[in-house]
């Protein structure tokens, strides 16, 4: 149902919407091998074939759950694209020796993490490996050396980054042998920094589609006790009749899809019905006046850009 997007001139094709697994284990029953394999089949039927995960998700347990589902249904892997991330490390049951959370994008660490991800998911390659966060203590040469080795060995098909500034992206791009294929960024009607800080302009210049995490502002867009969210809700309600009575979340996805850099929204829900609902946004073509709705008086523009800072107890999650 959804179209596919080529990730850069020589990158892989991913589905227009991406299934995010950050909260996969919140639904323990649904994350069991058989239900999860069934969900993957249903996602494929919807045209959502790209799975976004990370080494750190679920305190290092989400990749294992994905692997169990893939092992149960051997035909799934060939129909899915696996995107995973590495570079954030926190204290957990597997590593009690760690005292604090930290970033490590050194080449050796990325290689070790990617190899572990391959083992946990039971796959022979990762379609796209992302450096999860910028690591200012590691040189771009060091990070690139690890990515280049993984690419050369066929353990990953493509590399990208997440949460990088334009300058950080350019620096690493100058060091890797194969062009980076994406920058996964926080983007929503309540977080417009990438529109204003040059990030999306840079990606559009290089014809590299971004991935948009938290497209509904981690659910904040639905809150009724948040003044900025309420303003967006009110404007969405005014515009909805023009678009088949589209809901606030569909309008939010349509707004992201309208950007010429071709962002891929990462859906963070465990409910298939909400995925079915979300992908319908691909059929909404906003008129220019409505595509610029976020800039209208009374909308959320007065609240943008947000700080890049995230809550201190969650800074490592995304």
Protein backbone atom coordinates (compact mmCIF):
# COMPACT_ATOMS: atom_id res chain seq x y z
CA UNK A 1 0.00 0.00 0.00
CA UNK A 2 2.81 2.42 0.81
CA UNK A 3 5.46 3.44 -1.71
CA UNK A 4 9.15 2.77 -1.31
CA UNK A 5 12.00 5.24 -1.02
CA UNK A 6 15.53 4.88 -2.35
CA UNK A 7 17.93 5.91 0.42
CA UNK A 8 20.31 8.06 -1.54
CA UNK A 9 21.49 7.58 -5.13
CA UNK A 10 23.08 4.19 -4.36
CA UNK A 11 21.34 3.22 -1.12
CA UNK A 12 18.80 0.50 -0.39
CA UNK A 13 15.05 0.86 -0.81
CA UNK A 14 13.02 1.17 2.40
CA UNK A 15 9.28 1.33 2.93
CA UNK A 16 7.64 4.76 3.15
CA UNK A 17 6.68 4.07 6.76
CA UNK A 18 8.98 2.28 9.19
CA UNK A 19 7.93 0.05 12.07
CA UNK A 20 9.77 1.19 15.20
CA UNK A 21 10.54 -1.25 18.01
CA UNK A 22 11.59 1.12 20.79
CA UNK A 23 8.60 0.07 22.91
CA UNK A 24 8.23 -3.44 21.51
CA UNK A 25 8.62 -5.13 24.89
CA UNK A 26 5.93 -2.96 26.47
CA UNK A 27 3.58 -5.54 24.96
CA UNK A 28 5.18 -8.67 26.37
CA UNK A 29 2.56 -11.00 24.94
CA UNK A 30 2.76 -9.43 21.49
CA UNK A 31 6.57 -9.62 21.54
CA UNK A 32 6.56 -13.41 21.89
CA UNK A 33 7.91 -15.17 18.77
CA UNK A 34 4.63 -16.34 17.20
CA UNK A 35 2.63 -13.11 17.69
CA UNK A 36 5.56 -10.98 16.57
CA UNK A 37 6.12 -13.09 13.45
CA UNK A 38 2.42 -12.74 12.68
CA UNK A 39 2.64 -8.96 13.15
CA UNK A 40 5.58 -8.78 10.76
CA UNK A 41 3.49 -10.63 8.16
CA UNK A 42 0.65 -8.18 8.64
CA UNK A 43 3.03 -5.23 8.34
CA UNK A 44 4.36 -6.62 5.08
CA UNK A 45 0.79 -6.82 3.78
CA UNK A 46 0.46 -3.11 4.58
CA UNK A 47 3.65 -2.31 2.70
CA UNK A 48 5.58 -1.59 5.89
CA UNK A 49 8.63 -3.76 5.32
CA UNK A 50 11.31 -1.81 7.18
CA UNK A 51 11.95 -2.58 10.85
CA UNK A 52 13.81 -0.02 12.95
CA UNK A 53 15.50 -1.21 16.11
CA UNK A 54 18.65 -0.60 18.16
CA UNK A 55 21.09 -2.54 20.26
CA UNK A 56 20.00 -0.61 23.34
CA UNK A 57 16.22 -1.02 22.91
CA UNK A 58 14.47 -2.92 25.66
CA UNK A 59 17.67 -2.80 27.71
CA UNK A 60 19.40 -4.85 24.99
CA UNK A 61 16.57 -7.38 24.61
CA UNK A 62 14.52 -6.19 21.60
CA UNK A 63 16.91 -7.55 18.96
CA UNK A 64 16.69 -10.96 20.59
CA UNK A 65 12.88 -10.84 20.37
CA UNK A 66 13.11 -9.93 16.69
CA UNK A 67 15.51 -12.80 16.13
CA UNK A 68 13.16 -15.29 17.75
CA UNK A 69 10.33 -14.20 15.44
CA UNK A 70 12.55 -14.44 12.37
CA UNK A 71 13.73 -17.88 13.42
CA UNK A 72 10.15 -19.09 13.75
CA UNK A 73 9.16 -17.89 10.26
CA UNK A 74 12.16 -18.40 7.98
CA UNK A 75 10.52 -16.64 5.05
CA UNK A 76 10.26 -13.29 6.81
CA UNK A 77 13.84 -12.11 6.55
CA UNK A 78 13.88 -11.90 2.76
CA UNK A 79 10.83 -9.61 2.84
CA UNK A 80 12.09 -7.19 5.49
CA UNK A 81 14.74 -4.50 5.73
CA UNK A 82 16.44 -4.38 9.13
CA UNK A 83 17.71 -1.03 10.40
CA UNK A 84 19.52 -1.10 13.72
CA UNK A 85 21.63 1.34 15.70
CA UNK A 86 24.74 1.10 17.87
CA UNK A 87 26.81 3.44 19.99
CA UNK A 88 24.91 3.97 23.27
CA UNK A 89 25.85 1.91 26.31
CA UNK A 90 24.20 1.95 29.72
CA UNK A 91 24.27 0.00 32.98
CA UNK A 92 22.11 -3.11 32.66
CA UNK A 93 21.77 -6.72 33.78
CA UNK A 94 24.25 -7.89 31.12
CA UNK A 95 26.84 -5.28 32.08
CA UNK A 96 26.62 -4.56 35.82
CA UNK A 97 30.16 -3.20 35.69
CA UNK A 98 28.96 -0.10 33.87
CA UNK A 99 28.39 2.78 36.27
CA UNK A 100 27.04 5.44 33.92
CA UNK A 101 25.52 5.75 30.46
CA UNK A 102 27.92 6.77 27.69
CA UNK A 103 28.42 7.01 23.92
CA UNK A 104 31.05 5.00 22.05
CA UNK A 105 31.21 5.26 18.27
CA UNK A 106 34.73 3.91 17.96
CA UNK A 107 35.23 1.56 15.05
CA UNK A 108 36.04 -1.44 17.22
CA UNK A 109 32.94 -0.89 19.34
CA UNK A 110 30.65 -0.51 16.32
CA UNK A 111 32.00 -3.72 14.81
CA UNK A 112 31.46 -5.61 18.07
CA UNK A 113 27.94 -4.25 18.44
CA UNK A 114 27.00 -5.03 14.84
CA UNK A 115 28.29 -8.58 15.16
CA UNK A 116 26.24 -9.03 18.31
CA UNK A 117 23.15 -7.68 16.55
CA UNK A 118 23.66 -10.15 13.71
CA UNK A 119 23.91 -12.99 16.21
CA UNK A 120 20.88 -11.94 18.27
CA UNK A 121 18.67 -11.48 15.23
CA UNK A 122 20.01 -14.59 13.51
CA UNK A 123 20.69 -12.76 10.25
CA UNK A 124 23.71 -12.64 7.96
CA UNK A 125 23.59 -8.92 7.25
CA UNK A 126 22.09 -5.66 8.51
CA UNK A 127 20.46 -3.60 5.79
CA UNK A 128 21.31 -0.25 7.43
CA UNK A 129 23.46 0.31 10.52
CA UNK A 130 23.13 3.72 12.14
CA UNK A 131 25.53 5.37 14.55
CA UNK A 132 23.00 6.10 17.27
CA UNK A 133 24.38 9.39 18.62
CA UNK A 134 27.39 11.61 17.89
CA UNK A 135 30.41 10.66 19.99
CA UNK A 136 32.61 13.70 20.41
CA UNK A 137 35.40 11.65 22.02
CA UNK A 138 35.93 9.50 18.91
CA UNK A 139 37.47 10.78 15.71
CA UNK A 140 35.54 10.56 12.47
CA UNK A 141 38.41 8.47 11.07
CA UNK A 142 37.95 5.90 13.84
CA UNK A 143 34.17 5.69 13.39
CA UNK A 144 34.54 5.46 9.60
CA UNK A 145 37.12 2.71 9.89
CA UNK A 146 34.62 0.51 11.69
CA UNK A 147 31.81 1.26 9.25
CA UNK A 148 34.09 0.70 6.27
CA UNK A 149 35.16 -2.68 7.64
CA UNK A 150 31.57 -3.78 8.22
CA UNK A 151 30.64 -2.71 4.69
CA UNK A 152 33.64 -4.45 3.15
CA UNK A 153 32.91 -7.66 5.03
CA UNK A 154 29.25 -7.61 3.94
CA UNK A 155 27.95 -7.51 7.50
CA UNK A 156 26.05 -4.33 6.73
CA UNK A 157 24.70 -3.21 3.35
CA UNK A 158 24.65 0.51 4.16
CA UNK A 159 25.52 2.92 6.96
CA UNK A 160 23.93 6.06 8.31
CA UNK A 161 23.64 8.11 11.46
CA UNK A 162 21.05 9.25 13.95
CA UNK A 163 20.74 12.62 15.70
CA UNK A 164 23.71 14.15 13.86
CA UNK A 165 24.05 17.84 13.13
CA UNK A 166 24.79 18.89 9.54
CA UNK A 167 28.43 19.52 10.43
CA UNK A 168 28.80 16.13 12.11
CA UNK A 169 27.16 14.46 9.12
CA UNK A 170 29.50 16.19 6.68
CA UNK A 171 32.56 15.23 8.71
CA UNK A 172 31.75 11.53 8.84
CA UNK A 173 30.63 11.56 5.20
CA UNK A 174 34.10 12.77 4.23
CA UNK A 175 35.65 9.72 5.86
CA UNK A 176 33.47 6.77 4.82
CA UNK A 177 34.08 4.78 1.64
CA UNK A 178 30.37 4.41 0.86
CA UNK A 179 27.95 7.37 1.15
CA UNK A 180 25.84 7.58 4.30
CA UNK A 181 22.21 6.80 3.46
CA UNK A 182 20.22 8.60 6.16
CA UNK A 183 20.18 10.71 9.29
CA UNK A 184 17.44 9.58 11.68
CA UNK A 185 16.12 12.71 13.40
CA UNK A 186 13.43 13.84 15.79
CA UNK A 187 10.83 15.60 13.67
CA UNK A 188 7.22 16.48 14.38
CA UNK A 189 4.81 19.40 14.47
CA UNK A 190 6.07 20.03 17.99
CA UNK A 191 9.76 19.59 17.20
CA UNK A 192 10.79 21.48 14.06
CA UNK A 193 14.51 21.96 14.63
CA UNK A 194 15.54 20.01 11.48
CA UNK A 195 13.47 22.42 9.37
CA UNK A 196 15.28 25.42 10.77
CA UNK A 197 18.85 24.34 11.54
CA UNK A 198 19.86 23.23 8.05
CA UNK A 199 19.62 19.48 8.68
CA UNK A 200 16.85 18.75 6.19
CA UNK A 201 18.33 21.22 3.70
CA UNK A 202 21.61 19.35 3.79
CA UNK A 203 19.97 15.97 3.29
CA UNK A 204 17.88 17.31 0.43
CA UNK A 205 21.02 18.71 -1.18
CA UNK A 206 22.58 15.24 -1.18
CA UNK A 207 19.28 13.50 -2.05
CA UNK A 208 19.42 11.52 1.19
CA UNK A 209 16.02 10.85 2.80
CA UNK A 210 15.90 11.32 6.59
CA UNK A 211 14.11 9.02 8.98
CA UNK A 212 11.75 10.83 11.39
CA UNK A 213 11.55 9.45 14.90
CA UNK A 214 8.83 10.51 17.32
CA UNK A 215 6.60 11.92 14.53
CA UNK A 216 3.79 12.34 17.07
CA UNK A 217 6.12 13.95 19.64
CA UNK A 218 6.05 10.82 21.81
CA UNK A 219 2.28 11.17 22.12
CA UNK A 220 2.47 14.79 23.25
CA UNK A 221 0.55 15.81 20.14
CA UNK A 222 -2.55 14.09 21.54
CA UNK A 223 -2.44 15.68 24.99
CA UNK A 224 -5.15 18.07 26.09
CA UNK A 225 -3.12 19.68 28.85
CA UNK A 226 -0.39 20.95 26.51
CA UNK A 227 -1.07 24.40 25.04
CA UNK A 228 1.03 23.91 21.90
CA UNK A 229 -0.54 20.50 21.23
CA UNK A 230 -4.04 21.89 21.70
CA UNK A 231 -3.37 24.67 19.17
CA UNK A 232 -2.29 22.08 16.59
CA UNK A 233 -5.30 19.91 17.39
CA UNK A 234 -7.65 22.82 16.84
CA UNK A 235 -6.12 23.73 13.50
CA UNK A 236 -6.08 20.08 12.41
CA UNK A 237 -9.77 19.82 13.23
CA UNK A 238 -10.46 22.87 11.06
CA UNK A 239 -8.58 21.38 8.13
CA UNK A 240 -9.75 17.77 8.51
CA UNK A 241 -12.93 18.06 6.37
CA UNK A 242 -10.77 18.98 3.36
CA UNK A 243 -8.95 15.67 3.72
CA UNK A 244 -11.67 13.12 4.31
CA UNK A 245 -11.98 13.90 8.01
CA UNK A 246 -8.37 12.92 8.60
CA UNK A 247 -7.39 12.58 12.24
CA UNK A 248 -4.71 14.62 14.00
CA UNK A 249 -2.14 11.81 13.72
CA UNK A 250 -2.82 11.32 10.00
CA UNK A 251 -2.45 15.06 9.44
CA UNK A 252 0.80 15.01 11.41
CA UNK A 253 2.19 12.20 9.25
CA UNK A 254 1.00 13.92 6.07
CA UNK A 255 2.83 17.10 7.14
CA UNK A 256 6.08 15.14 7.52
CA UNK A 257 5.59 13.34 4.22
CA UNK A 258 5.06 16.67 2.45
CA UNK A 259 8.66 17.77 2.96
CA UNK A 260 10.73 17.43 -0.24
CA UNK A 261 13.55 15.62 1.56
CA UNK A 262 11.16 12.62 1.68
CA UNK A 263 11.29 11.76 5.40
CA UNK A 264 10.35 8.24 6.46
CA UNK A 265 8.20 8.38 9.64
CA UNK A 266 9.11 5.78 12.26
CA UNK A 267 5.90 4.45 13.80
CA UNK A 268 6.23 3.75 17.51
CA UNK A 269 3.04 1.80 18.13
CA UNK A 270 2.58 -1.88 18.95
CA UNK A 271 -1.01 -1.83 17.69
CA UNK A 272 -1.57 -2.99 14.14
CA UNK A 273 -4.78 -0.96 13.85
CA UNK A 274 -2.81 2.23 14.48
CA UNK A 275 -0.31 1.27 11.79
CA UNK A 276 -3.19 0.67 9.37
CA UNK A 277 -4.53 4.08 10.31
CA UNK A 278 -1.16 5.79 9.95
CA UNK A 279 -0.28 4.50 6.48
CA UNK A 280 -3.44 6.08 5.07
CA UNK A 281 -1.66 9.41 5.53
CA UNK A 282 0.37 8.54 2.43
CA UNK A 283 -2.75 9.29 0.40
CA UNK A 284 -3.16 12.78 1.89
CA UNK A 285 -1.66 15.48 -0.32
CA UNK A 286 -1.76 18.72 1.63
CA UNK A 287 -2.43 21.91 -0.30
CA UNK A 288 0.32 24.47 0.10
CA UNK A 289 -1.70 26.59 2.51
CA UNK A 290 -2.29 23.57 4.68
CA UNK A 291 1.22 22.16 4.30
CA UNK A 292 2.42 25.39 5.89
CA UNK A 293 -0.19 25.17 8.65
CA UNK A 294 2.47 24.90 11.34
CA UNK A 295 3.52 28.45 10.52
CA UNK A 296 0.02 29.85 10.85
CA UNK A 297 -0.81 32.22 13.72
CA UNK A 298 -1.95 30.25 16.73
CA UNK A 299 -0.25 27.03 15.66
CA UNK A 300 2.85 25.46 17.14
CA UNK A 301 5.41 27.58 15.31
CA UNK A 302 5.80 29.85 18.33
CA UNK A 303 7.07 26.80 20.21
CA UNK A 304 9.75 25.89 17.64
CA UNK A 305 12.55 25.26 17.60
CA UNK A 306 12.67 23.10 20.68
CA UNK A 307 15.87 22.43 22.52
CA UNK A 308 17.70 19.32 21.40
CA UNK A 309 17.88 18.34 25.05
CA UNK A 310 15.67 15.42 26.07
CA UNK A 311 14.62 14.49 29.62
CA UNK A 312 17.68 13.49 31.61
CA UNK A 313 16.35 10.04 32.43
CA UNK A 314 15.69 9.29 28.73
CA UNK A 315 18.55 10.93 26.88
CA UNK A 316 20.01 7.58 25.84
CA UNK A 317 16.76 5.95 24.67
CA UNK A 318 16.57 7.52 21.22
